[in-house]
């Protein structure tokens, strides 16, 4: 399935179906909803800076 087909399939799903799909993919990757640093407040500037830094290091993005 190519990207365009996946996009159409995703857009044709209901909101609940999309949520279930995303939660299943997170679970498959070992991620939990709300995982992060306890008692940590994230502001959008901080997140954008971390994304920018991660983009400078391809080895971070290609984590397997």
C-alpha atoms as a PDB file:
ATOM      1  CA  UNK A   1       0.000   0.000   0.000  1.00  0.00           C
ATOM      2  CA  UNK A   2       1.530   3.319  -1.041  1.00  0.00           C
ATOM      3  CA  UNK A   3       1.334   6.588   0.884  1.00  0.00           C
ATOM      4  CA  UNK A   4      -1.640   7.935  -1.072  1.00  0.00           C
ATOM      5  CA  UNK A   5      -3.668   4.754  -0.458  1.00  0.00           C
ATOM      6  CA  UNK A   6      -2.798   4.812   3.259  1.00  0.00           C
ATOM      7  CA  UNK A   7      -3.854   8.461   3.475  1.00  0.00           C
ATOM      8  CA  UNK A   8      -7.199   7.760   1.794  1.00  0.00           C
ATOM      9  CA  UNK A   9      -7.781   4.747   4.051  1.00  0.00           C
ATOM     10  CA  UNK A  10      -6.944   6.777   7.172  1.00  0.00           C
ATOM     11  CA  UNK A  11      -9.236   9.642   6.112  1.00  0.00           C
ATOM     12  CA  UNK A  12     -12.096   7.232   5.424  1.00  0.00           C
ATOM     13  CA  UNK A  13     -11.938   5.863   8.986  1.00  0.00           C
ATOM     14  CA  UNK A  14     -14.095   7.186  11.800  1.00  0.00           C
ATOM     15  CA  UNK A  15     -12.487   9.102  14.633  1.00  0.00           C
ATOM     16  CA  UNK A  16     -12.775   6.115  16.977  1.00  0.00           C
ATOM     17  CA  UNK A  17     -11.194   3.793  14.390  1.00  0.00           C
ATOM     18  CA  UNK A  18      -8.280   6.227  13.939  1.00  0.00           C
ATOM     19  CA  UNK A  19      -7.794   6.448  17.712  1.00  0.00           C
ATOM     20  CA  UNK A  20      -7.726   2.650  18.015  1.00  0.00           C
ATOM     21  CA  UNK A  21      -5.228   2.388  15.160  1.00  0.00           C
ATOM     22  CA  UNK A  22      -2.940   5.013  16.684  1.00  0.00           C
ATOM     23  CA  UNK A  23      -3.147   3.406  20.144  1.00  0.00           C
ATOM     24  CA  UNK A  24      -2.332  -0.018  18.651  1.00  0.00           C
ATOM     25  CA  UNK A  25       0.705   1.399  16.810  1.00  0.00           C
ATOM     26  CA  UNK A  26       1.878   3.110  20.012  1.00  0.00           C
ATOM     27  CA  UNK A  27       1.470  -0.141  21.942  1.00  0.00           C
ATOM     28  CA  UNK A  28       3.407  -2.043  19.251  1.00  0.00           C
ATOM     29  CA  UNK A  29       6.258   0.451  19.717  1.00  0.00           C
ATOM     30  CA  UNK A  30       6.143   0.077  23.498  1.00  0.00           C
ATOM     31  CA  UNK A  31       4.740   3.561  24.092  1.00  0.00           C
ATOM     32  CA  UNK A  32       2.043   4.322  26.615  1.00  0.00           C
ATOM     33  CA  UNK A  33      -0.442   7.157  26.562  1.00  0.00           C
ATOM     34  CA  UNK A  34       0.874   9.923  28.773  1.00  0.00           C
ATOM     35  CA  UNK A  35       4.419   8.570  28.816  1.00  0.00           C
ATOM     36  CA  UNK A  36       6.907  11.310  29.452  1.00  0.00           C
ATOM     37  CA  UNK A  37       8.575  12.953  32.376  1.00  0.00           C
ATOM     38  CA  UNK A  38       6.320  13.042  35.485  1.00  0.00           C
ATOM     39  CA  UNK A  39       5.372  16.525  36.687  1.00  0.00           C
ATOM     40  CA  UNK A  40       6.916  18.071  33.564  1.00  0.00           C
ATOM     41  CA  UNK A  41       5.092  20.847  31.727  1.00  0.00           C
ATOM     42  CA  UNK A  42       5.884  20.958  28.018  1.00  0.00           C
ATOM     43  CA  UNK A  43       5.583  24.240  26.184  1.00  0.00           C
ATOM     44  CA  UNK A  44       5.428  24.333  22.417  1.00  0.00           C
ATOM     45  CA  UNK A  45       8.673  26.323  22.073  1.00  0.00           C
ATOM     46  CA  UNK A  46      10.564  23.628  23.966  1.00  0.00           C
ATOM     47  CA  UNK A  47       9.057  20.887  21.796  1.00  0.00           C
ATOM     48  CA  UNK A  48       9.899  22.708  18.548  1.00  0.00           C
ATOM     49  CA  UNK A  49      13.476  23.213  19.739  1.00  0.00           C
ATOM     50  CA  UNK A  50      13.812  19.496  20.520  1.00  0.00           C
ATOM     51  CA  UNK A  51      12.415  18.576  17.104  1.00  0.00           C
ATOM     52  CA  UNK A  52      14.865  20.975  15.446  1.00  0.00           C
ATOM     53  CA  UNK A  53      17.780  19.480  17.381  1.00  0.00           C
ATOM     54  CA  UNK A  54      16.692  15.926  16.531  1.00  0.00           C
ATOM     55  CA  UNK A  55      16.548  16.849  12.839  1.00  0.00           C
ATOM     56  CA  UNK A  56      20.233  17.800  13.001  1.00  0.00           C
ATOM     57  CA  UNK A  57      21.170  14.252  14.026  1.00  0.00           C
ATOM     58  CA  UNK A  58      19.983  11.598  11.544  1.00  0.00           C
ATOM     59  CA  UNK A  59      21.065   8.789  13.883  1.00  0.00           C
ATOM     60  CA  UNK A  60      18.396   9.926  16.353  1.00  0.00           C
ATOM     61  CA  UNK A  61      15.658   9.883  13.698  1.00  0.00           C
ATOM     62  CA  UNK A  62      16.678   6.441  12.399  1.00  0.00           C
ATOM     63  CA  UNK A  63      16.342   4.710  15.776  1.00  0.00           C
ATOM     64  CA  UNK A  64      15.484   1.052  15.336  1.00  0.00           C
END
